Amino acid sequence: MAANRDKAQLIWGIVLALAGIGVFFRIPQVMPRIEQIPHFSSVTIFIRFCFYLMGVMLIGGGGKKIFVFLKASNGK
């Protein structure tokens, strides 16, 4: 049972890391559309910062889960 949970955590870590990488590729495509909205045009720097922060956090969380899995599997 614990082995299935460990594998699920590894898969979840990979998904998180890939989602974070996807955010970095998607930001340049989405930001021009957001800048066209008059309400958000004055805060585009803050929005861009938030998107990049979200990407870094996703990659960091996924990397941590992968690292913990690899560390645990090497210890067995």
PDB file of N, CA and C in Angstrom:
ATOM      1  N   MET A   1       0.826  -1.191   0.000  1.00  0.00           N
ATOM      2  CA  MET A   1       0.000   0.000   0.000  1.00  0.00           C
ATOM      3  C   MET A   1       0.871   1.256   0.000  1.00  0.00           C
ATOM      4  N   ALA A   2       1.945   1.209   0.777  1.00  0.00           N
ATOM      5  CA  ALA A   2       2.822   2.379   0.841  1.00  0.00           C
ATOM      6  C   ALA A   2       3.563   2.593  -0.479  1.00  0.00           C
ATOM      7  N   ALA A   3       3.837   1.510  -1.188  1.00  0.00           N
ATOM      8  CA  ALA A   3       4.521   1.628  -2.475  1.00  0.00           C
ATOM      9  C   ALA A   3       3.639   2.343  -3.493  1.00  0.00           C
ATOM     10  N   ASN A   4       2.337   2.052  -3.466  1.00  0.00           N
ATOM     11  CA  ASN A   4       1.411   2.736  -4.371  1.00  0.00           C
ATOM     12  C   ASN A   4       1.326   4.218  -4.046  1.00  0.00           C
ATOM     13  N   ARG A   5       1.346   4.524  -2.746  1.00  0.00           N
ATOM     14  CA  ARG A   5       1.289   5.930  -2.330  1.00  0.00           C
ATOM     15  C   ARG A   5       2.556   6.657  -2.767  1.00  0.00           C
ATOM     16  N   ASP A   6       3.694   6.000  -2.639  1.00  0.00           N
ATOM     17  CA  ASP A   6       4.953   6.614  -3.063  1.00  0.00           C
ATOM     18  C   ASP A   6       4.963   6.875  -4.566  1.00  0.00           C
ATOM     19  N   LYS A   7       4.484   5.918  -5.340  1.00  0.00           N
ATOM     20  CA  LYS A   7       4.434   6.102  -6.788  1.00  0.00           C
ATOM     21  C   LYS A   7       3.469   7.219  -7.164  1.00  0.00           C
ATOM     22  N   ALA A   8       2.356   7.308  -6.437  1.00  0.00           N
ATOM     23  CA  ALA A   8       1.394   8.380  -6.698  1.00  0.00           C
ATOM     24  C   ALA A   8       2.024   9.743  -6.398  1.00  0.00           C
ATOM     25  N   GLN A   9       2.802   9.812  -5.332  1.00  0.00           N
ATOM     26  CA  GLN A   9       3.467  11.064  -4.989  1.00  0.00           C
ATOM     27  C   GLN A   9       4.518  11.430  -6.044  1.00  0.00           C
ATOM     28  N   LEU A  10       5.211  10.435  -6.584  1.00  0.00           N
ATOM     29  CA  LEU A  10       6.177  10.694  -7.647  1.00  0.00           C
ATOM     30  C   LEU A  10       5.471  11.223  -8.887  1.00  0.00           C
ATOM     31  N   ILE A  11       4.362  10.589  -9.258  1.00  0.00           N
ATOM     32  CA  ILE A  11       3.606  11.047 -10.433  1.00  0.00           C
ATOM     33  C   ILE A  11       3.083  12.456 -10.202  1.00  0.00           C
ATOM     34  N   TRP A  12       2.571  12.720  -9.002  1.00  0.00           N
ATOM     35  CA  TRP A  12       2.067  14.052  -8.685  1.00  0.00           C
ATOM     36  C   TRP A  12       3.204  15.083  -8.743  1.00  0.00           C
ATOM     37  N   GLY A  13       4.384  14.741  -8.284  1.00  0.00           N
ATOM     38  CA  GLY A  13       5.527  15.641  -8.363  1.00  0.00           C
ATOM     39  C   GLY A  13       5.910  15.952  -9.799  1.00  0.00           C
ATOM     40  N   ILE A  14       5.887  14.944 -10.650  1.00  0.00           N
ATOM     41  CA  ILE A  14       6.201  15.154 -12.067  1.00  0.00           C
ATOM     42  C   ILE A  14       5.161  16.056 -12.714  1.00  0.00           C
ATOM     43  N   VAL A  15       3.883  15.831 -12.379  1.00  0.00           N
ATOM     44  CA  VAL A  15       2.807  16.656 -12.936  1.00  0.00           C
ATOM     45  C   VAL A  15       2.958  18.107 -12.486  1.00  0.00           C
ATOM     46  N   LEU A  16       3.278  18.321 -11.214  1.00  0.00           N
ATOM     47  CA  LEU A  16       3.473  19.681 -10.715  1.00  0.00           C
ATOM     48  C   LEU A  16       4.624  20.383 -11.439  1.00  0.00           C
ATOM     49  N   ALA A  17       5.730  19.677 -11.595  1.00  0.00           N
ATOM     50  CA  ALA A  17       6.882  20.277 -12.264  1.00  0.00           C
ATOM     51  C   ALA A  17       6.562  20.602 -13.725  1.00  0.00           C
ATOM     52  N   LEU A  18       5.869  19.706 -14.404  1.00  0.00           N
ATOM     53  CA  LEU A  18       5.501  19.971 -15.791  1.00  0.00           C
ATOM     54  C   LEU A  18       4.510  21.129 -15.905  1.00  0.00           C
ATOM     55  N   ALA A  19       3.598  21.239 -14.943  1.00  0.00           N
ATOM     56  CA  ALA A  19       2.663  22.363 -14.946  1.00  0.00           C
ATOM     57  C   ALA A  19       3.409  23.681 -14.754  1.00  0.00           C
ATOM     58  N   GLY A  20       4.414  23.687 -13.895  1.00  0.00           N
ATOM     59  CA  GLY A  20       5.225  24.888 -13.694  1.00  0.00           C
ATOM     60  C   GLY A  20       5.982  25.274 -14.953  1.00  0.00           C
ATOM     61  N   ILE A  21       6.531  24.294 -15.633  1.00  0.00           N
ATOM     62  CA  ILE A  21       7.228  24.573 -16.891  1.00  0.00           C
ATOM     63  C   ILE A  21       6.242  25.090 -17.932  1.00  0.00           C
ATOM     64  N   GLY A  22       5.045  24.515 -17.942  1.00  0.00           N
ATOM     65  CA  GLY A  22       4.010  24.979 -18.862  1.00  0.00           C
ATOM     66  C   GLY A  22       3.616  26.420 -18.621  1.00  0.00           C
ATOM     67  N   VAL A  23       3.610  26.839 -17.367  1.00  0.00           N
ATOM     68  CA  VAL A  23       3.296  28.239 -17.042  1.00  0.00           C
ATOM     69  C   VAL A  23       4.324  29.159 -17.690  1.00  0.00           C
ATOM     70  N   PHE A  24       5.597  28.787 -17.624  1.00  0.00           N
ATOM     71  CA  PHE A  24       6.642  29.630 -18.218  1.00  0.00           C
ATOM     72  C   PHE A  24       6.496  29.750 -19.734  1.00  0.00           C
ATOM     73  N   PHE A  25       6.042  28.688 -20.380  1.00  0.00           N
ATOM     74  CA  PHE A  25       5.840  28.753 -21.825  1.00  0.00           C
ATOM     75  C   PHE A  25       4.570  29.505 -22.202  1.00  0.00           C
ATOM     76  N   ARG A  26       3.601  29.519 -21.314  1.00  0.00           N
ATOM     77  CA  ARG A  26       2.307  30.126 -21.623  1.00  0.00           C
ATOM     78  C   ARG A  26       2.269  31.637 -21.344  1.00  0.00           C
ATOM     79  N   ILE A  27       3.084  32.118 -20.425  1.00  0.00           N
ATOM     80  CA  ILE A  27       3.054  33.537 -20.048  1.00  0.00           C
ATOM     81  C   ILE A  27       3.241  34.473 -21.244  1.00  0.00           C
ATOM     82  N   PRO A  28       4.229  34.274 -22.109  1.00  0.00           N
ATOM     83  CA  PRO A  28       4.377  35.195 -23.241  1.00  0.00           C
ATOM     84  C   PRO A  28       3.189  35.205 -24.200  1.00  0.00           C
ATOM     85  N   GLN A  29       2.428  34.128 -24.244  1.00  0.00           N
ATOM     86  CA  GLN A  29       1.268  34.067 -25.121  1.00  0.00           C
ATOM     87  C   GLN A  29       0.055  34.759 -24.506  1.00  0.00           C
ATOM     88  N   VAL A  30      -0.068  34.724 -23.194  1.00  0.00           N
ATOM     89  CA  VAL A  30      -1.253  35.240 -22.519  1.00  0.00           C
ATOM     90  C   VAL A  30      -1.124  36.720 -22.167  1.00  0.00           C
ATOM     91  N   MET A  31       0.066  37.169 -21.868  1.00  0.00           N
ATOM     92  CA  MET A  31       0.235  38.547 -21.385  1.00  0.00           C
ATOM     93  C   MET A  31      -0.236  39.605 -22.386  1.00  0.00           C
ATOM     94  N   PRO A  32       0.001  39.485 -23.684  1.00  0.00           N
ATOM     95  CA  PRO A  32      -0.526  40.508 -24.594  1.00  0.00           C
ATOM     96  C   PRO A  32      -2.055  40.623 -24.552  1.00  0.00           C
ATOM     97  N   ARG A  33      -2.734  39.498 -24.354  1.00  0.00           N
ATOM     98  CA  ARG A  33      -4.197  39.557 -24.255  1.00  0.00           C
ATOM     99  C   ARG A  33      -4.636  40.224 -22.963  1.00  0.00           C
ATOM    100  N   ILE A  34      -3.907  39.973 -21.879  1.00  0.00           N
ATOM    101  CA  ILE A  34      -4.243  40.605 -20.605  1.00  0.00           C
ATOM    102  C   ILE A  34      -3.972  42.107 -20.676  1.00  0.00           C
ATOM    103  N   GLU A  35      -2.899  42.506 -21.362  1.00  0.00           N
ATOM    104  CA  GLU A  35      -2.569  43.933 -21.483  1.00  0.00           C
ATOM    105  C   GLU A  35      -3.623  44.696 -22.273  1.00  0.00           C
ATOM    106  N   GLN A  36      -4.384  44.022 -23.105  1.00  0.00           N
ATOM    107  CA  GLN A  36      -5.422  44.686 -23.883  1.00  0.00           C
ATOM    108  C   GLN A  36      -6.657  45.018 -23.045  1.00  0.00           C
ATOM    109  N   ILE A  37      -6.817  44.377 -21.908  1.00  0.00           N
ATOM    110  CA  ILE A  37      -7.947  44.663 -21.026  1.00  0.00           C
ATOM    111  C   ILE A  37      -7.636  45.960 -20.273  1.00  0.00           C
ATOM    112  N   PRO A  38      -8.453  46.983 -20.429  1.00  0.00           N
ATOM    113  CA  PRO A  38      -8.135  48.287 -19.830  1.00  0.00           C
ATOM    114  C   PRO A  38      -7.974  48.244 -18.310  1.00  0.00           C
ATOM    115  N   HIS A  39      -8.740  47.425 -17.647  1.00  0.00           N
ATOM    116  CA  HIS A  39      -8.679  47.372 -16.184  1.00  0.00           C
ATOM    117  C   HIS A  39      -7.330  46.830 -15.693  1.00  0.00           C
ATOM    118  N   PHE A  40      -6.727  45.912 -16.442  1.00  0.00           N
ATOM    119  CA  PHE A  40      -5.483  45.274 -16.024  1.00  0.00           C
ATOM    120  C   PHE A  40      -4.237  45.888 -16.655  1.00  0.00           C
ATOM    121  N   SER A  41      -4.383  46.834 -17.544  1.00  0.00           N
ATOM    122  CA  SER A  41      -3.223  47.372 -18.254  1.00  0.00           C
ATOM    123  C   SER A  41      -2.247  48.094 -17.332  1.00  0.00           C
ATOM    124  N   SER A  42      -2.730  48.622 -16.222  1.00  0.00           N
ATOM    125  CA  SER A  42      -1.831  49.363 -15.330  1.00  0.00           C
ATOM    126  C   SER A  42      -1.081  48.453 -14.354  1.00  0.00           C
ATOM    127  N   VAL A  43      -1.492  47.210 -14.212  1.00  0.00           N
ATOM    128  CA  VAL A  43      -0.856  46.308 -13.250  1.00  0.00           C
ATOM    129  C   VAL A  43      -0.240  45.084 -13.925  1.00  0.00           C
ATOM    130  N   THR A  44       0.185  45.236 -15.159  1.00  0.00           N
ATOM    131  CA  THR A  44       0.713  44.075 -15.884  1.00  0.00           C
ATOM    132  C   THR A  44       2.008  43.556 -15.272  1.00  0.00           C
ATOM    133  N   ILE A  45       2.805  44.428 -14.699  1.00  0.00           N
ATOM    134  CA  ILE A  45       4.058  43.976 -14.073  1.00  0.00           C
ATOM    135  C   ILE A  45       3.747  43.070 -12.888  1.00  0.00           C
ATOM    136  N   PHE A  46       2.763  43.461 -12.082  1.00  0.00           N
ATOM    137  CA  PHE A  46       2.373  42.647 -10.932  1.00  0.00           C
ATOM    138  C   PHE A  46       1.786  41.306 -11.385  1.00  0.00           C
ATOM    139  N   ILE A  47       0.968  41.322 -12.416  1.00  0.00           N
ATOM    140  CA  ILE A  47       0.373  40.087 -12.933  1.00  0.00           C
ATOM    141  C   ILE A  47       1.457  39.168 -13.477  1.00  0.00           C
ATOM    142  N   ARG A  48       2.397  39.732 -14.213  1.00  0.00           N
ATOM    143  CA  ARG A  48       3.507  38.934 -14.753  1.00  0.00           C
ATOM    144  C   ARG A  48       4.326  38.322 -13.611  1.00  0.00           C
ATOM    145  N   PHE A  49       4.602  39.117 -12.571  1.00  0.00           N
ATOM    146  CA  PHE A  49       5.341  38.625 -11.407  1.00  0.00           C
ATOM    147  C   PHE A  49       4.596  37.464 -10.754  1.00  0.00           C
ATOM    148  N   CYS A  50       3.289  37.597 -10.600  1.00  0.00           N
ATOM    149  CA  CYS A  50       2.493  36.542  -9.971  1.00  0.00           C
ATOM    150  C   CYS A  50       2.514  35.255 -10.791  1.00  0.00           C
ATOM    151  N   PHE A  51       2.413  35.381 -12.115  1.00  0.00           N
ATOM    152  CA  PHE A  51       2.483  34.196 -12.968  1.00  0.00           C
ATOM    153  C   PHE A  51       3.837  33.499 -12.837  1.00  0.00           C
ATOM    154  N   TYR A  52       4.917  34.273 -12.871  1.00  0.00           N
ATOM    155  CA  TYR A  52       6.238  33.658 -12.744  1.00  0.00           C
ATOM    156  C   TYR A  52       6.437  33.050 -11.360  1.00  0.00           C
ATOM    157  N   LEU A  53       5.934  33.706 -10.324  1.00  0.00           N
ATOM    158  CA  LEU A  53       6.028  33.157  -8.973  1.00  0.00           C
ATOM    159  C   LEU A  53       5.262  31.840  -8.875  1.00  0.00           C
ATOM    160  N   MET A  54       4.094  31.794  -9.485  1.00  0.00           N
ATOM    161  CA  MET A  54       3.306  30.562  -9.486  1.00  0.00           C
ATOM    162  C   MET A  54       4.077  29.443 -10.196  1.00  0.00           C
ATOM    163  N   GLY A  55       4.720  29.753 -11.315  1.00  0.00           N
ATOM    164  CA  GLY A  55       5.507  28.748 -12.027  1.00  0.00           C
ATOM    165  C   GLY A  55       6.666  28.238 -11.191  1.00  0.00           C
ATOM    166  N   VAL A  56       7.352  29.143 -10.516  1.00  0.00           N
ATOM    167  CA  VAL A  56       8.484  28.744  -9.668  1.00  0.00           C
ATOM    168  C   VAL A  56       8.008  27.867  -8.514  1.00  0.00           C
ATOM    169  N   MET A  57       6.880  28.229  -7.930  1.00  0.00           N
ATOM    170  CA  MET A  57       6.355  27.434  -6.815  1.00  0.00           C
ATOM    171  C   MET A  57       5.914  26.042  -7.269  1.00  0.00           C
ATOM    172  N   LEU A  58       5.315  25.952  -8.447  1.00  0.00           N
ATOM    173  CA  LEU A  58       4.925  24.643  -8.971  1.00  0.00           C
ATOM    174  C   LEU A  58       6.145  23.771  -9.243  1.00  0.00           C
ATOM    175  N   ILE A  59       7.159  24.346  -9.864  1.00  0.00           N
ATOM    176  CA  ILE A  59       8.382  23.583 -10.135  1.00  0.00           C
ATOM    177  C   ILE A  59       9.070  23.184  -8.835  1.00  0.00           C
ATOM    178  N   GLY A  60       9.109  24.103  -7.882  1.00  0.00           N
ATOM    179  CA  GLY A  60       9.734  23.804  -6.589  1.00  0.00           C
ATOM    180  C   GLY A  60       9.006  22.704  -5.835  1.00  0.00           C
ATOM    181  N   GLY A  61       7.680  22.765  -5.802  1.00  0.00           N
ATOM    182  CA  GLY A  61       6.907  21.729  -5.118  1.00  0.00           C
ATOM    183  C   GLY A  61       7.044  20.372  -5.786  1.00  0.00           C
ATOM    184  N   GLY A  62       6.999  20.365  -7.113  1.00  0.00           N
ATOM    185  CA  GLY A  62       7.178  19.106  -7.839  1.00  0.00           C
ATOM    186  C   GLY A  62       8.578  18.550  -7.656  1.00  0.00           C
ATOM    187  N   GLY A  63       9.566  19.437  -7.713  1.00  0.00           N
ATOM    188  CA  GLY A  63      10.948  19.000  -7.502  1.00  0.00           C
ATOM    189  C   GLY A  63      11.166  18.432  -6.113  1.00  0.00           C
ATOM    190  N   LYS A  64      10.519  19.038  -5.122  1.00  0.00           N
ATOM    191  CA  LYS A  64      10.650  18.537  -3.755  1.00  0.00           C
ATOM    192  C   LYS A  64      10.048  17.136  -3.635  1.00  0.00           C
ATOM    193  N   LYS A  65       8.887  16.920  -4.232  1.00  0.00           N
ATOM    194  CA  LYS A  65       8.268  15.596  -4.171  1.00  0.00           C
ATOM    195  C   LYS A  65       9.126  14.548  -4.882  1.00  0.00           C
ATOM    196  N   ILE A  66       9.688  14.916  -6.011  1.00  0.00           N
ATOM    197  CA  ILE A  66      10.557  13.991  -6.743  1.00  0.00           C
ATOM    198  C   ILE A  66      11.810  13.692  -5.931  1.00  0.00           C
ATOM    199  N   PHE A  67      12.397  14.720  -5.326  1.00  0.00           N
ATOM    200  CA  PHE A  67      13.607  14.548  -4.521  1.00  0.00           C
ATOM    201  C   PHE A  67      13.343  13.649  -3.321  1.00  0.00           C
ATOM    202  N   VAL A  68      12.217  13.850  -2.636  1.00  0.00           N
ATOM    203  CA  VAL A  68      11.885  13.014  -1.480  1.00  0.00           C
ATOM    204  C   VAL A  68      11.690  11.564  -1.916  1.00  0.00           C
ATOM    205  N   PHE A  69      11.039  11.346  -3.058  1.00  0.00           N
ATOM    206  CA  PHE A  69      10.853   9.981  -3.552  1.00  0.00           C
ATOM    207  C   PHE A  69      12.198   9.336  -3.866  1.00  0.00           C
ATOM    208  N   LEU A  70      13.067  10.060  -4.563  1.00  0.00           N
ATOM    209  CA  LEU A  70      14.361   9.490  -4.917  1.00  0.00           C
ATOM    210  C   LEU A  70      15.221   9.230  -3.689  1.00  0.00           C
ATOM    211  N   LYS A  71      15.151  10.115  -2.715  1.00  0.00           N
ATOM    212  CA  LYS A  71      15.910   9.941  -1.483  1.00  0.00           C
ATOM    213  C   LYS A  71      15.405   8.712  -0.724  1.00  0.00           C
ATOM    214  N   ALA A  72      14.084   8.529  -0.666  1.00  0.00           N
ATOM    215  CA  ALA A  72      13.507   7.381   0.035  1.00  0.00           C
ATOM    216  C   ALA A  72      13.805   6.077  -0.697  1.00  0.00           C
ATOM    217  N   SER A  73      13.777   6.101  -2.023  1.00  0.00           N
ATOM    218  CA  SER A  73      14.033   4.865  -2.769  1.00  0.00           C
ATOM    219  C   SER A  73      15.498   4.465  -2.718  1.00  0.00           C
ATOM    220  N   ASN A  74      16.407   5.435  -2.590  1.00  0.00           N
ATOM    221  CA  ASN A  74      17.821   5.111  -2.463  1.00  0.00           C
ATOM    222  C   ASN A  74      18.156   4.569  -1.071  1.00  0.00           C
ATOM    223  N   GLY A  75      17.364   4.957  -0.096  1.00  0.00           N
ATOM    224  CA  GLY A  75      17.612   4.500   1.276  1.00  0.00           C
ATOM    225  C   GLY A  75      17.133   3.088   1.535  1.00  0.00           C
ATOM    226  N   LYS A  76      16.272   2.560   0.692  1.00  0.00           N
ATOM    227  CA  LYS A  76      15.722   1.207   0.911  1.00  0.00           C
ATOM    228  C   LYS A  76      16.665   0.135   0.488  1.00  0.00           C
TER     229      LYS A  76
END
